[in-house]
Amino acid sequence: MGPLGFLVLSGFFAYLAFDAFQFNRTSGHKVWAVPPSSGRAVGVDPLSRAEQEGAQSNEITAVGGIPGLYWIFVMLSVGCLGVAAWLWLA
């Protein structure tokens, strides 16, 4: 792979670093789980505020919120950029 390939790979890892940073910054959302109850009346909206207050709150993060993932992609991007510069100048 030549210097252009490493430059493209560096850009790809930079995008993954940006995406991991955005995910870690915005992964504090909550998803409400509405358990089925036998006493609920027919036609009651399970997502209404009254039903949500009694529901259980769960946080969902796809990768478990790995904080070091951002830095791994940053190092891979910088490393590929260094290899591309070295191959370009050699």
N, C-alpha and C. Protein backbone atom coordinates (compact mmCIF):
# COMPACT_ATOMS: atom_id res chain seq x y z
N MET A 1 0.86 -1.17 0.00
CA MET A 1 0.00 0.00 0.00
C MET A 1 0.91 1.23 0.00
N GLY A 2 0.59 2.16 -0.87
CA GLY A 2 1.41 3.36 -0.99
C GLY A 2 0.98 4.45 -0.03
N PRO A 3 1.59 5.63 -0.19
CA PRO A 3 1.27 6.73 0.72
C PRO A 3 -0.17 7.20 0.61
N LEU A 4 -0.75 7.10 -0.59
CA LEU A 4 -2.15 7.52 -0.75
C LEU A 4 -3.09 6.59 0.01
N GLY A 5 -2.78 5.30 0.01
CA GLY A 5 -3.59 4.33 0.76
C GLY A 5 -3.55 4.60 2.26
N PHE A 6 -2.36 4.91 2.78
CA PHE A 6 -2.25 5.22 4.21
C PHE A 6 -2.92 6.55 4.54
N LEU A 7 -2.91 7.47 3.59
CA LEU A 7 -3.60 8.75 3.81
C LEU A 7 -5.12 8.53 3.89
N VAL A 8 -5.64 7.68 3.01
CA VAL A 8 -7.07 7.35 3.05
C VAL A 8 -7.40 6.60 4.34
N LEU A 9 -6.54 5.69 4.74
CA LEU A 9 -6.75 4.94 5.99
C LEU A 9 -6.71 5.87 7.19
N SER A 10 -5.84 6.87 7.15
CA SER A 10 -5.78 7.85 8.23
C SER A 10 -7.08 8.65 8.31
N GLY A 11 -7.62 9.02 7.16
CA GLY A 11 -8.91 9.73 7.15
C GLY A 11 -10.04 8.87 7.69
N PHE A 12 -10.02 7.59 7.36
CA PHE A 12 -11.04 6.67 7.85
C PHE A 12 -10.98 6.55 9.38
N PHE A 13 -9.76 6.39 9.92
CA PHE A 13 -9.62 6.30 11.37
C PHE A 13 -9.97 7.62 12.05
N ALA A 14 -9.71 8.74 11.38
CA ALA A 14 -10.10 10.04 11.94
C ALA A 14 -11.62 10.13 12.02
N TYR A 15 -12.32 9.63 10.99
CA TYR A 15 -13.78 9.62 11.03
C TYR A 15 -14.29 8.72 12.17
N LEU A 16 -13.67 7.55 12.35
CA LEU A 16 -14.08 6.66 13.44
C LEU A 16 -13.82 7.29 14.80
N ALA A 17 -12.72 8.04 14.92
CA ALA A 17 -12.44 8.74 16.19
C ALA A 17 -13.50 9.79 16.46
N PHE A 18 -13.89 10.53 15.42
CA PHE A 18 -14.94 11.54 15.58
C PHE A 18 -16.26 10.87 15.98
N ASP A 19 -16.58 9.75 15.34
CA ASP A 19 -17.82 9.05 15.64
C ASP A 19 -17.81 8.50 17.07
N ALA A 20 -16.68 7.95 17.52
CA ALA A 20 -16.58 7.43 18.89
C ALA A 20 -16.69 8.57 19.90
N PHE A 21 -16.12 9.73 19.56
CA PHE A 21 -16.23 10.89 20.45
C PHE A 21 -17.67 11.35 20.56
N GLN A 22 -18.39 11.42 19.44
CA GLN A 22 -19.79 11.83 19.46
C GLN A 22 -20.64 10.82 20.23
N PHE A 23 -20.35 9.53 20.06
CA PHE A 23 -21.12 8.51 20.77
C PHE A 23 -20.92 8.62 22.27
N ASN A 24 -19.67 8.78 22.72
CA ASN A 24 -19.41 8.91 24.15
C ASN A 24 -20.03 10.16 24.73
N ARG A 25 -20.13 11.21 23.92
CA ARG A 25 -20.69 12.47 24.41
C ARG A 25 -22.21 12.40 24.53
N THR A 26 -22.86 11.64 23.66
CA THR A 26 -24.33 11.64 23.62
C THR A 26 -24.95 10.33 24.10
N SER A 27 -24.19 9.44 24.73
CA SER A 27 -24.75 8.14 25.09
C SER A 27 -25.44 8.13 26.45
N GLY A 28 -25.72 9.27 27.02
CA GLY A 28 -26.38 9.31 28.32
C GLY A 28 -27.89 9.32 28.25
N HIS A 29 -28.47 8.95 27.11
CA HIS A 29 -29.93 8.96 27.00
C HIS A 29 -30.53 7.78 27.74
N LYS A 30 -31.81 7.88 28.03
CA LYS A 30 -32.50 6.82 28.74
C LYS A 30 -33.61 6.26 27.85
N VAL A 31 -33.79 4.96 27.94
CA VAL A 31 -34.86 4.29 27.22
C VAL A 31 -35.79 3.71 28.26
N TRP A 32 -37.07 3.99 28.11
CA TRP A 32 -38.05 3.53 29.09
C TRP A 32 -38.58 2.17 28.68
N ALA A 33 -38.59 1.24 29.63
CA ALA A 33 -39.16 -0.07 29.40
C ALA A 33 -40.50 -0.13 30.11
N VAL A 34 -41.56 -0.41 29.38
CA VAL A 34 -42.90 -0.45 29.95
C VAL A 34 -43.28 -1.91 30.17
N PRO A 35 -43.30 -2.36 31.42
CA PRO A 35 -43.67 -3.75 31.67
C PRO A 35 -45.17 -3.96 31.46
N PRO A 36 -45.56 -5.09 30.91
CA PRO A 36 -46.98 -5.34 30.74
C PRO A 36 -47.64 -5.57 32.10
N SER A 37 -48.79 -4.97 32.27
CA SER A 37 -49.52 -5.18 33.52
C SER A 37 -50.92 -5.68 33.19
N SER A 38 -51.38 -6.62 33.97
CA SER A 38 -52.68 -7.21 33.69
C SER A 38 -53.82 -6.27 34.05
N GLY A 39 -53.58 -5.27 34.90
CA GLY A 39 -54.64 -4.37 35.32
C GLY A 39 -54.80 -3.15 34.43
N ARG A 40 -54.05 -3.06 33.35
CA ARG A 40 -54.13 -1.89 32.47
C ARG A 40 -55.43 -1.93 31.66
N ALA A 41 -56.07 -0.80 31.57
CA ALA A 41 -57.31 -0.70 30.80
C ALA A 41 -57.01 -0.77 29.31
N VAL A 42 -57.98 -1.23 28.56
CA VAL A 42 -57.82 -1.31 27.11
C VAL A 42 -57.79 0.10 26.55
N GLY A 43 -56.85 0.36 25.65
CA GLY A 43 -56.75 1.66 25.02
C GLY A 43 -55.84 2.64 25.74
N VAL A 44 -55.21 2.23 26.84
CA VAL A 44 -54.28 3.11 27.54
C VAL A 44 -52.96 3.16 26.77
N ASP A 45 -52.48 4.35 26.54
CA ASP A 45 -51.22 4.53 25.82
C ASP A 45 -50.05 4.15 26.74
N PRO A 46 -49.28 3.12 26.40
CA PRO A 46 -48.17 2.72 27.29
C PRO A 46 -47.04 3.75 27.34
N LEU A 47 -47.02 4.69 26.40
CA LEU A 47 -45.97 5.70 26.39
C LEU A 47 -46.42 7.02 27.00
N SER A 48 -47.61 7.05 27.61
CA SER A 48 -48.08 8.28 28.23
C SER A 48 -47.28 8.59 29.48
N ARG A 49 -47.34 9.84 29.93
CA ARG A 49 -46.55 10.26 31.10
C ARG A 49 -46.96 9.47 32.35
N ALA A 50 -48.24 9.20 32.52
CA ALA A 50 -48.70 8.47 33.70
C ALA A 50 -48.14 7.04 33.72
N GLU A 51 -48.06 6.41 32.56
CA GLU A 51 -47.51 5.05 32.50
C GLU A 51 -45.99 5.05 32.63
N GLN A 52 -45.34 6.09 32.13
CA GLN A 52 -43.88 6.15 32.16
C GLN A 52 -43.34 6.36 33.57
N GLU A 53 -44.09 7.06 34.41
CA GLU A 53 -43.60 7.34 35.76
C GLU A 53 -43.43 6.07 36.58
N GLY A 54 -44.24 5.06 36.31
CA GLY A 54 -44.12 3.81 37.03
C GLY A 54 -43.21 2.81 36.35
N ALA A 55 -42.71 3.16 35.19
CA ALA A 55 -41.88 2.24 34.43
C ALA A 55 -40.44 2.24 34.94
N GLN A 56 -39.72 1.25 34.53
CA GLN A 56 -38.32 1.11 34.93
C GLN A 56 -37.43 1.79 33.90
N SER A 57 -36.43 2.53 34.37
CA SER A 57 -35.51 3.24 33.49
C SER A 57 -34.28 2.39 33.22
N ASN A 58 -33.90 2.27 31.97
CA ASN A 58 -32.70 1.52 31.59
C ASN A 58 -31.86 2.37 30.66
N GLU A 59 -30.55 2.38 30.88
CA GLU A 59 -29.66 3.07 29.96
C GLU A 59 -29.10 2.04 28.99
N ILE A 60 -29.11 2.39 27.71
CA ILE A 60 -28.60 1.49 26.69
C ILE A 60 -27.41 2.14 26.01
N THR A 61 -26.28 1.48 26.02
CA THR A 61 -25.13 1.92 25.23
C THR A 61 -24.68 0.73 24.41
N ALA A 62 -24.46 0.95 23.14
CA ALA A 62 -24.20 -0.16 22.22
C ALA A 62 -22.90 -0.89 22.52
N VAL A 63 -21.84 -0.16 22.85
CA VAL A 63 -20.55 -0.81 23.08
C VAL A 63 -20.14 -0.73 24.54
N GLY A 64 -21.07 -0.41 25.41
CA GLY A 64 -20.74 -0.34 26.82
C GLY A 64 -20.03 0.93 27.22
N GLY A 65 -20.00 1.90 26.33
CA GLY A 65 -19.38 3.18 26.65
C GLY A 65 -17.88 3.10 26.87
N ILE A 66 -17.14 2.53 25.92
CA ILE A 66 -15.69 2.39 26.06
C ILE A 66 -15.05 3.77 25.88
N PRO A 67 -14.51 4.37 26.94
CA PRO A 67 -13.96 5.72 26.80
C PRO A 67 -12.65 5.75 26.03
N GLY A 68 -11.88 4.66 26.03
CA GLY A 68 -10.60 4.65 25.34
C GLY A 68 -10.69 4.42 23.85
N LEU A 69 -11.87 4.09 23.34
CA LEU A 69 -12.03 3.82 21.92
C LEU A 69 -11.69 5.04 21.08
N TYR A 70 -12.04 6.21 21.56
CA TYR A 70 -11.73 7.46 20.86
C TYR A 70 -10.21 7.60 20.69
N TRP A 71 -9.46 7.37 21.75
CA TRP A 71 -8.01 7.56 21.70
C TRP A 71 -7.33 6.49 20.85
N ILE A 72 -7.88 5.29 20.82
CA ILE A 72 -7.32 4.24 19.96
C ILE A 72 -7.42 4.67 18.50
N PHE A 73 -8.58 5.19 18.09
CA PHE A 73 -8.74 5.63 16.71
C PHE A 73 -7.89 6.85 16.39
N VAL A 74 -7.70 7.73 17.37
CA VAL A 74 -6.83 8.90 17.16
C VAL A 74 -5.40 8.43 16.92
N MET A 75 -4.92 7.50 17.73
CA MET A 75 -3.54 7.00 17.56
C MET A 75 -3.37 6.27 16.23
N LEU A 76 -4.37 5.48 15.83
CA LEU A 76 -4.30 4.80 14.54
C LEU A 76 -4.27 5.81 13.39
N SER A 77 -5.06 6.86 13.50
CA SER A 77 -5.09 7.89 12.46
C SER A 77 -3.75 8.61 12.37
N VAL A 78 -3.20 9.00 13.51
CA VAL A 78 -1.92 9.71 13.52
C VAL A 78 -0.80 8.77 13.03
N GLY A 79 -0.85 7.52 13.42
CA GLY A 79 0.15 6.55 12.96
C GLY A 79 0.12 6.36 11.46
N CYS A 80 -1.08 6.20 10.90
CA CYS A 80 -1.20 6.05 9.45
C CYS A 80 -0.77 7.32 8.72
N LEU A 81 -1.06 8.47 9.30
CA LEU A 81 -0.62 9.72 8.70
C LEU A 81 0.90 9.82 8.71
N GLY A 82 1.52 9.38 9.80
CA GLY A 82 2.99 9.36 9.87
C GLY A 82 3.61 8.42 8.85
N VAL A 83 3.02 7.24 8.69
CA VAL A 83 3.52 6.28 7.70
C VAL A 83 3.36 6.84 6.29
N ALA A 84 2.23 7.50 6.03
CA ALA A 84 2.01 8.10 4.71
C ALA A 84 3.05 9.19 4.43
N ALA A 85 3.34 10.02 5.42
CA ALA A 85 4.35 11.07 5.23
C ALA A 85 5.74 10.46 5.03
N TRP A 86 6.04 9.40 5.79
CA TRP A 86 7.34 8.75 5.65
C TRP A 86 7.50 8.12 4.27
N LEU A 87 6.45 7.45 3.78
CA LEU A 87 6.51 6.85 2.44
C LEU A 87 6.55 7.92 1.35
N TRP A 88 5.88 9.03 1.59
CA TRP A 88 5.85 10.11 0.59
C TRP A 88 7.24 10.73 0.44
N LEU A 89 7.94 10.90 1.57
CA LEU A 89 9.25 11.55 1.54
C LEU A 89 10.39 10.58 1.23
N ALA A 90 10.16 9.29 1.36
CA ALA A 90 11.23 8.31 1.13
C ALA A 90 11.43 8.02 -0.34
